[in-house]
Amino acid sequence: MPNGYHFTEIPQDPADFNGLGNYSTPEFTWNQTVGATALKFFDSNKYGSNFNNDIFVATFKGGNIYHFDLNKDRNQLLLKGPLTDNVANNDEEMNNAILAQDFGPNGISDLEVGPDGYLYVLTYGQNAAIYRIVPNE
């Protein structure tokens, strides 16, 4: 059998990953599918210190970009209000986390931090486009 992954009828311990890693429970979940397409750790000061070293998550459904604060050690989300249970039960609970929304009728396919320190958004579909997000002045 060639090297790589294979499936067997023998139950495997999902936390073992054949000795290559360890499973951990999700830090955050959505109860409704959003189709997360990109996650970026933002290391720029282009949007001010409130966003530096935080996480941005882009979604296919709705074409939204969500902003999540991290703790000082950058190993845990700092969630507030109805998100303190680490679950988005509905769209309304995510309203305060939205950085930008409604990108294209077919959603976002990628999110990148450009060499200029701004976020760039790639939308999907027949009218695909690339957007640069700049702060309102």
N, C-alpha and C. Protein backbone atom coordinates (compact mmCIF):
# COMPACT_ATOMS: atom_id res chain seq x y z
N MET A 1 0.85 -1.17 0.00
CA MET A 1 0.00 0.00 0.00
C MET A 1 0.90 1.24 0.00
N PRO A 2 0.58 2.26 -0.79
CA PRO A 2 1.40 3.47 -0.84
C PRO A 2 1.34 4.25 0.47
N ASN A 3 2.38 5.05 0.70
CA ASN A 3 2.38 5.90 1.89
C ASN A 3 1.26 6.92 1.79
N GLY A 4 0.79 7.37 2.94
CA GLY A 4 -0.28 8.37 2.97
C GLY A 4 -1.40 7.89 3.86
N TYR A 5 -2.52 8.49 3.70
CA TYR A 5 -3.67 8.17 4.54
C TYR A 5 -4.49 7.07 3.91
N HIS A 6 -5.01 6.19 4.73
CA HIS A 6 -5.91 5.15 4.26
C HIS A 6 -6.97 4.89 5.32
N PHE A 7 -8.06 4.34 4.89
CA PHE A 7 -9.17 4.09 5.78
C PHE A 7 -9.28 2.59 6.04
N THR A 8 -9.64 2.25 7.26
CA THR A 8 -9.82 0.85 7.63
C THR A 8 -11.16 0.69 8.31
N GLU A 9 -11.56 -0.54 8.47
CA GLU A 9 -12.80 -0.86 9.20
C GLU A 9 -12.55 -0.83 10.69
N ILE A 10 -11.30 -0.76 11.11
CA ILE A 10 -10.96 -0.76 12.53
C ILE A 10 -11.12 0.66 13.07
N PRO A 11 -11.92 0.85 14.13
CA PRO A 11 -12.09 2.20 14.68
C PRO A 11 -10.75 2.79 15.11
N GLN A 12 -10.56 4.06 14.81
CA GLN A 12 -9.35 4.78 15.17
C GLN A 12 -9.68 5.82 16.23
N ASP A 13 -8.74 6.10 17.11
CA ASP A 13 -8.91 7.16 18.10
C ASP A 13 -8.72 8.49 17.38
N PRO A 14 -9.79 9.32 17.26
CA PRO A 14 -9.65 10.56 16.50
C PRO A 14 -8.69 11.56 17.13
N ALA A 15 -8.38 11.41 18.40
CA ALA A 15 -7.49 12.35 19.07
C ALA A 15 -6.02 12.02 18.83
N ASP A 16 -5.73 10.90 18.19
CA ASP A 16 -4.35 10.45 18.05
C ASP A 16 -3.70 10.93 16.76
N PHE A 17 -4.42 10.95 15.64
CA PHE A 17 -3.88 11.33 14.33
C PHE A 17 -2.60 10.57 14.01
N ASN A 18 -2.59 9.29 14.34
CA ASN A 18 -1.43 8.42 14.10
C ASN A 18 -0.16 9.00 14.70
N GLY A 19 -0.28 9.62 15.86
CA GLY A 19 0.88 10.18 16.54
C GLY A 19 1.38 11.49 15.97
N LEU A 20 0.68 12.05 14.99
CA LEU A 20 1.13 13.27 14.32
C LEU A 20 0.53 14.55 14.91
N GLY A 21 -0.38 14.44 15.85
CA GLY A 21 -1.00 15.65 16.41
C GLY A 21 -2.01 15.31 17.48
N ASN A 22 -2.64 16.31 18.00
CA ASN A 22 -3.65 16.14 19.03
C ASN A 22 -4.90 16.91 18.65
N TYR A 23 -6.04 16.35 18.95
CA TYR A 23 -7.31 17.00 18.69
C TYR A 23 -7.62 17.97 19.81
N SER A 24 -8.17 19.11 19.46
CA SER A 24 -8.71 20.03 20.46
C SER A 24 -10.09 20.47 20.00
N THR A 25 -10.95 20.76 20.94
CA THR A 25 -12.30 21.17 20.59
C THR A 25 -12.25 22.54 19.91
N PRO A 26 -13.22 22.86 19.07
CA PRO A 26 -13.22 24.15 18.38
C PRO A 26 -13.27 25.31 19.36
N GLU A 27 -12.58 26.40 19.03
CA GLU A 27 -12.61 27.60 19.85
C GLU A 27 -13.91 28.37 19.65
N PHE A 28 -14.52 28.22 18.48
CA PHE A 28 -15.74 28.94 18.16
C PHE A 28 -16.50 28.17 17.10
N THR A 29 -17.83 28.16 17.19
CA THR A 29 -18.64 27.49 16.18
C THR A 29 -19.86 28.34 15.82
N TRP A 30 -20.33 28.14 14.60
CA TRP A 30 -21.58 28.71 14.13
C TRP A 30 -22.61 27.59 14.11
N ASN A 31 -23.81 27.85 14.61
CA ASN A 31 -24.88 26.85 14.54
C ASN A 31 -25.50 26.79 13.16
N GLN A 32 -25.33 27.85 12.37
CA GLN A 32 -25.80 27.86 10.99
C GLN A 32 -24.57 27.95 10.08
N THR A 33 -24.62 27.25 8.98
CA THR A 33 -23.48 27.20 8.07
C THR A 33 -23.17 28.58 7.49
N VAL A 34 -21.90 28.99 7.57
CA VAL A 34 -21.47 30.25 6.96
C VAL A 34 -20.42 30.01 5.88
N GLY A 35 -19.79 28.86 5.88
CA GLY A 35 -18.77 28.56 4.88
C GLY A 35 -17.53 29.43 5.05
N ALA A 36 -16.86 29.29 6.18
CA ALA A 36 -15.63 30.07 6.41
C ALA A 36 -14.62 29.73 5.32
N THR A 37 -14.12 30.74 4.64
CA THR A 37 -13.21 30.53 3.52
C THR A 37 -11.80 31.01 3.78
N ALA A 38 -11.62 31.90 4.75
CA ALA A 38 -10.29 32.41 5.05
C ALA A 38 -10.24 32.89 6.48
N LEU A 39 -9.09 32.71 7.10
CA LEU A 39 -8.83 33.19 8.45
C LEU A 39 -7.47 33.86 8.43
N LYS A 40 -7.41 35.12 8.85
CA LYS A 40 -6.14 35.84 8.82
C LYS A 40 -5.84 36.44 10.17
N PHE A 41 -4.64 36.20 10.64
CA PHE A 41 -4.13 36.91 11.82
C PHE A 41 -3.59 38.23 11.30
N PHE A 42 -4.15 39.32 11.78
CA PHE A 42 -3.85 40.64 11.23
C PHE A 42 -2.69 41.26 11.99
N ASP A 43 -1.59 41.53 11.30
CA ASP A 43 -0.39 42.07 11.94
C ASP A 43 -0.01 43.43 11.33
N SER A 44 -1.00 44.31 11.26
CA SER A 44 -0.79 45.62 10.68
C SER A 44 -1.46 46.66 11.57
N ASN A 45 -0.98 47.88 11.49
CA ASN A 45 -1.61 48.96 12.27
C ASN A 45 -2.47 49.85 11.38
N LYS A 46 -2.77 49.42 10.17
CA LYS A 46 -3.53 50.23 9.21
C LYS A 46 -4.94 50.56 9.66
N TYR A 47 -5.51 49.76 10.54
CA TYR A 47 -6.87 50.01 11.03
C TYR A 47 -6.86 50.46 12.49
N GLY A 48 -5.70 50.81 13.00
CA GLY A 48 -5.58 51.25 14.38
C GLY A 48 -5.23 50.09 15.31
N SER A 49 -4.85 50.43 16.52
CA SER A 49 -4.39 49.42 17.47
C SER A 49 -5.50 48.47 17.91
N ASN A 50 -6.76 48.84 17.73
CA ASN A 50 -7.87 47.96 18.13
C ASN A 50 -7.94 46.69 17.30
N PHE A 51 -7.31 46.67 16.13
CA PHE A 51 -7.38 45.51 15.24
C PHE A 51 -6.06 44.76 15.11
N ASN A 52 -4.96 45.36 15.55
CA ASN A 52 -3.65 44.75 15.39
C ASN A 52 -3.58 43.43 16.17
N ASN A 53 -3.08 42.39 15.52
CA ASN A 53 -2.92 41.04 16.10
C ASN A 53 -4.23 40.36 16.43
N ASP A 54 -5.31 40.75 15.77
CA ASP A 54 -6.59 40.08 15.92
C ASP A 54 -6.81 39.12 14.76
N ILE A 55 -7.97 38.46 14.74
CA ILE A 55 -8.30 37.51 13.68
C ILE A 55 -9.46 38.06 12.86
N PHE A 56 -9.35 37.91 11.53
CA PHE A 56 -10.45 38.19 10.63
C PHE A 56 -10.84 36.88 9.95
N VAL A 57 -12.15 36.63 9.87
CA VAL A 57 -12.67 35.42 9.24
C VAL A 57 -13.61 35.84 8.12
N ALA A 58 -13.36 35.36 6.90
CA ALA A 58 -14.22 35.62 5.75
C ALA A 58 -15.14 34.43 5.52
N THR A 59 -16.37 34.74 5.04
CA THR A 59 -17.34 33.67 4.80
C THR A 59 -17.86 33.70 3.38
N PHE A 60 -18.20 32.53 2.90
CA PHE A 60 -18.82 32.39 1.58
C PHE A 60 -20.28 32.83 1.65
N LYS A 61 -21.01 32.31 2.63
CA LYS A 61 -22.42 32.66 2.79
C LYS A 61 -22.52 34.09 3.33
N GLY A 62 -23.18 34.94 2.58
CA GLY A 62 -23.35 36.33 3.00
C GLY A 62 -22.20 37.23 2.63
N GLY A 63 -21.04 36.67 2.34
CA GLY A 63 -19.88 37.49 1.99
C GLY A 63 -19.48 38.44 3.10
N ASN A 64 -19.37 37.94 4.32
CA ASN A 64 -19.04 38.77 5.47
C ASN A 64 -17.60 38.57 5.92
N ILE A 65 -17.08 39.60 6.59
CA ILE A 65 -15.78 39.49 7.27
C ILE A 65 -16.03 39.79 8.73
N TYR A 66 -15.64 38.85 9.58
CA TYR A 66 -15.83 38.98 11.02
C TYR A 66 -14.50 39.29 11.70
N HIS A 67 -14.57 40.08 12.75
CA HIS A 67 -13.40 40.46 13.53
C HIS A 67 -13.51 39.86 14.92
N PHE A 68 -12.44 39.17 15.35
CA PHE A 68 -12.39 38.58 16.68
C PHE A 68 -11.14 39.08 17.41
N ASP A 69 -11.33 39.56 18.62
CA ASP A 69 -10.20 39.95 19.47
C ASP A 69 -9.55 38.71 20.04
N LEU A 70 -8.25 38.79 20.28
CA LEU A 70 -7.51 37.72 20.94
C LEU A 70 -6.99 38.20 22.28
N ASN A 71 -6.73 37.25 23.18
CA ASN A 71 -6.12 37.63 24.46
C ASN A 71 -4.65 38.01 24.23
N LYS A 72 -4.00 38.48 25.27
CA LYS A 72 -2.61 38.95 25.18
C LYS A 72 -1.66 37.89 24.63
N ASP A 73 -1.88 36.62 25.03
CA ASP A 73 -1.02 35.53 24.57
C ASP A 73 -1.40 35.00 23.19
N ARG A 74 -2.48 35.55 22.62
CA ARG A 74 -2.97 35.16 21.29
C ARG A 74 -3.31 33.68 21.19
N ASN A 75 -3.86 33.13 22.28
CA ASN A 75 -4.24 31.72 22.24
C ASN A 75 -5.70 31.48 22.62
N GLN A 76 -6.47 32.58 22.71
CA GLN A 76 -7.88 32.44 23.06
C GLN A 76 -8.65 33.65 22.54
N LEU A 77 -9.87 33.39 22.06
CA LEU A 77 -10.73 34.48 21.60
C LEU A 77 -11.30 35.21 22.81
N LEU A 78 -11.41 36.54 22.70
CA LEU A 78 -12.06 37.35 23.72
C LEU A 78 -13.46 37.69 23.21
N LEU A 79 -14.43 36.90 23.61
CA LEU A 79 -15.80 37.06 23.12
C LEU A 79 -16.65 37.77 24.15
N LYS A 80 -17.59 38.56 23.66
CA LYS A 80 -18.44 39.35 24.54
C LYS A 80 -19.91 39.06 24.27
N GLY A 81 -20.75 39.46 25.22
CA GLY A 81 -22.20 39.36 25.06
C GLY A 81 -22.66 37.94 24.80
N PRO A 82 -23.54 37.76 23.82
CA PRO A 82 -24.10 36.42 23.57
C PRO A 82 -23.10 35.41 23.03
N LEU A 83 -21.89 35.86 22.67
CA LEU A 83 -20.88 34.94 22.13
C LEU A 83 -19.97 34.35 23.20
N THR A 84 -20.18 34.71 24.46
CA THR A 84 -19.30 34.19 25.51
C THR A 84 -19.40 32.68 25.66
N ASP A 85 -20.45 32.08 25.10
CA ASP A 85 -20.55 30.61 25.11
C ASP A 85 -19.80 29.97 23.95
N ASN A 86 -19.08 30.80 23.15
CA ASN A 86 -18.27 30.34 21.99
C ASN A 86 -19.11 29.76 20.86
N VAL A 87 -20.40 30.11 20.82
CA VAL A 87 -21.29 29.62 19.78
C VAL A 87 -22.11 30.78 19.23
N ALA A 88 -22.14 30.91 17.89
CA ALA A 88 -23.04 31.86 17.24
C ALA A 88 -24.33 31.10 16.95
N ASN A 89 -25.34 31.35 17.75
CA ASN A 89 -26.61 30.63 17.60
C ASN A 89 -27.46 31.16 16.45
N ASN A 90 -27.24 32.43 16.06
CA ASN A 90 -28.00 33.03 14.96
C ASN A 90 -27.21 34.23 14.43
N ASP A 91 -27.69 34.77 13.31
CA ASP A 91 -27.00 35.90 12.67
C ASP A 91 -26.93 37.12 13.57
N GLU A 92 -27.98 37.37 14.36
CA GLU A 92 -28.02 38.55 15.21
C GLU A 92 -26.89 38.54 16.24
N GLU A 93 -26.52 37.39 16.73
CA GLU A 93 -25.43 37.32 17.71
C GLU A 93 -24.09 37.75 17.12
N MET A 94 -23.96 37.68 15.80
CA MET A 94 -22.70 38.02 15.13
C MET A 94 -22.63 39.48 14.70
N ASN A 95 -23.71 40.24 14.86
CA ASN A 95 -23.75 41.62 14.36
C ASN A 95 -22.59 42.48 14.85
N ASN A 96 -22.22 42.36 16.12
CA ASN A 96 -21.13 43.18 16.65
C ASN A 96 -19.75 42.73 16.20
N ALA A 97 -19.66 41.56 15.60
CA ALA A 97 -18.38 41.04 15.14
C ALA A 97 -18.12 41.33 13.66
N ILE A 98 -19.10 41.89 12.95
CA ILE A 98 -18.95 42.13 11.52
C ILE A 98 -18.06 43.35 11.26
N LEU A 99 -16.99 43.12 10.50
CA LEU A 99 -16.13 44.22 10.05
C LEU A 99 -16.66 44.79 8.74
N ALA A 100 -17.04 43.91 7.81
CA ALA A 100 -17.56 44.29 6.50
C ALA A 100 -18.52 43.20 6.06
N GLN A 101 -19.48 43.57 5.20
CA GLN A 101 -20.48 42.58 4.80
C GLN A 101 -20.95 42.76 3.37
N ASP A 102 -21.66 41.75 2.88
CA ASP A 102 -22.32 41.75 1.57
C ASP A 102 -21.35 41.87 0.40
N PHE A 103 -20.24 41.14 0.45
CA PHE A 103 -19.30 41.12 -0.67
C PHE A 103 -19.79 40.14 -1.73
N GLY A 104 -20.27 40.67 -2.80
CA GLY A 104 -20.66 39.86 -3.93
C GLY A 104 -21.82 38.94 -3.66
N PRO A 105 -22.57 38.59 -4.69
CA PRO A 105 -23.70 37.69 -4.51
C PRO A 105 -23.27 36.26 -4.19
N ASN A 106 -22.03 35.92 -4.48
CA ASN A 106 -21.57 34.55 -4.26
C ASN A 106 -20.55 34.42 -3.13
N GLY A 107 -20.34 35.46 -2.37
CA GLY A 107 -19.48 35.37 -1.20
C GLY A 107 -18.01 35.58 -1.46
N ILE A 108 -17.24 35.43 -0.40
CA ILE A 108 -15.80 35.64 -0.41
C ILE A 108 -15.09 34.31 -0.59
N SER A 109 -14.10 34.29 -1.46
CA SER A 109 -13.32 33.06 -1.63
C SER A 109 -11.95 33.15 -0.98
N ASP A 110 -11.45 34.38 -0.74
CA ASP A 110 -10.15 34.50 -0.09
C ASP A 110 -10.01 35.87 0.55
N LEU A 111 -9.13 35.94 1.53
CA LEU A 111 -8.84 37.16 2.27
C LEU A 111 -7.35 37.18 2.52
N GLU A 112 -6.69 38.28 2.17
CA GLU A 112 -5.24 38.37 2.34
C GLU A 112 -4.87 39.74 2.91
N VAL A 113 -3.74 39.79 3.58
CA VAL A 113 -3.16 41.06 4.02
C VAL A 113 -2.11 41.42 2.98
N GLY A 114 -2.30 42.57 2.34
CA GLY A 114 -1.39 42.99 1.28
C GLY A 114 -0.10 43.56 1.83
N PRO A 115 0.89 43.77 0.96
CA PRO A 115 2.16 44.35 1.39
C PRO A 115 2.00 45.77 1.94
N ASP A 116 0.87 46.42 1.61
CA ASP A 116 0.61 47.76 2.14
C ASP A 116 -0.07 47.72 3.50
N GLY A 117 -0.35 46.51 4.04
CA GLY A 117 -0.95 46.37 5.36
C GLY A 117 -2.46 46.41 5.39
N TYR A 118 -3.13 46.52 4.24
CA TYR A 118 -4.58 46.52 4.18
C TYR A 118 -5.10 45.12 3.85
N LEU A 119 -6.35 44.87 4.21
CA LEU A 119 -7.00 43.62 3.85
C LEU A 119 -7.48 43.68 2.41
N TYR A 120 -7.28 42.58 1.68
CA TYR A 120 -7.78 42.44 0.32
C TYR A 120 -8.75 41.28 0.29
N VAL A 121 -9.86 41.47 -0.40
CA VAL A 121 -10.94 40.50 -0.45
C VAL A 121 -11.13 40.04 -1.89
N LEU A 122 -11.17 38.73 -2.09
CA LEU A 122 -11.45 38.16 -3.40
C LEU A 122 -12.84 37.56 -3.36
N THR A 123 -13.74 38.05 -4.23
CA THR A 123 -15.08 37.48 -4.29
C THR A 123 -15.13 36.44 -5.40
N TYR A 124 -16.15 35.63 -5.34
CA TYR A 124 -16.29 34.46 -6.19
C TYR A 124 -17.43 34.67 -7.17
N GLY A 125 -17.37 34.02 -8.30
CA GLY A 125 -18.51 33.98 -9.19
C GLY A 125 -18.30 34.73 -10.49
N GLN A 126 -19.39 34.91 -11.21
CA GLN A 126 -19.34 35.51 -12.54
C GLN A 126 -18.83 36.95 -12.49
N ASN A 127 -19.15 37.68 -11.44
CA ASN A 127 -18.69 39.06 -11.30
C ASN A 127 -17.61 39.16 -10.23
N ALA A 128 -16.70 38.22 -10.22
CA ALA A 128 -15.64 38.20 -9.22
C ALA A 128 -14.83 39.48 -9.26
N ALA A 129 -14.34 39.88 -8.08
CA ALA A 129 -13.57 41.13 -7.99
C ALA A 129 -12.60 41.04 -6.82
N ILE A 130 -11.64 41.95 -6.81
CA ILE A 130 -10.72 42.11 -5.70
C ILE A 130 -10.99 43.48 -5.09
N TYR A 131 -11.19 43.50 -3.77
CA TYR A 131 -11.44 44.75 -3.05
C TYR A 131 -10.34 44.98 -2.03
N ARG A 132 -10.01 46.24 -1.83
CA ARG A 132 -9.11 46.63 -0.75
C ARG A 132 -9.95 47.35 0.30
N ILE A 133 -9.81 46.96 1.55
CA ILE A 133 -10.57 47.57 2.64
C ILE A 133 -9.72 48.65 3.28
N VAL A 134 -10.21 49.88 3.21
CA VAL A 134 -9.53 51.01 3.83
C VAL A 134 -10.48 51.64 4.85
N PRO A 135 -9.96 52.19 5.93
CA PRO A 135 -10.83 52.78 6.95
C PRO A 135 -11.47 54.07 6.46
N ASN A 136 -12.66 54.36 7.00
CA ASN A 136 -13.30 55.65 6.73
C ASN A 136 -12.51 56.74 7.41
N GLU A 137 -12.34 57.85 6.74
CA GLU A 137 -11.60 58.95 7.35
C GLU A 137 -12.49 60.13 7.59
